[in-house]
Amino acid sequence: SSRFIPRFTRRIKKNK
């Protein structure tokens, strides 16, 4: 989702 920032997405993927 372009709404989320790259850094945030990376953290979310790592968290999941």
Protein backbone atom coordinates (compact mmCIF):
# COMPACT_ATOMS: atom_id res chain seq x y z
CA SER A 1 0.00 0.00 0.00
CA SER A 2 1.47 3.32 -1.04
CA ARG A 3 -0.20 4.76 2.06
CA PHE A 4 2.40 3.08 4.28
CA ILE A 5 5.98 4.27 4.25
CA PRO A 6 8.77 1.88 3.11
CA ARG A 7 10.35 1.75 6.58
CA PHE A 8 7.00 1.01 8.20
CA THR A 9 6.21 -1.73 5.73
CA ARG A 10 9.59 -3.38 6.37
CA ARG A 11 8.93 -3.36 10.12
CA ILE A 12 5.46 -4.78 9.63
CA LYS A 13 6.75 -7.60 7.42
CA LYS A 14 9.43 -8.41 9.99
CA ASN A 15 6.90 -8.33 12.80
CA LYS A 16 4.58 -10.68 10.95
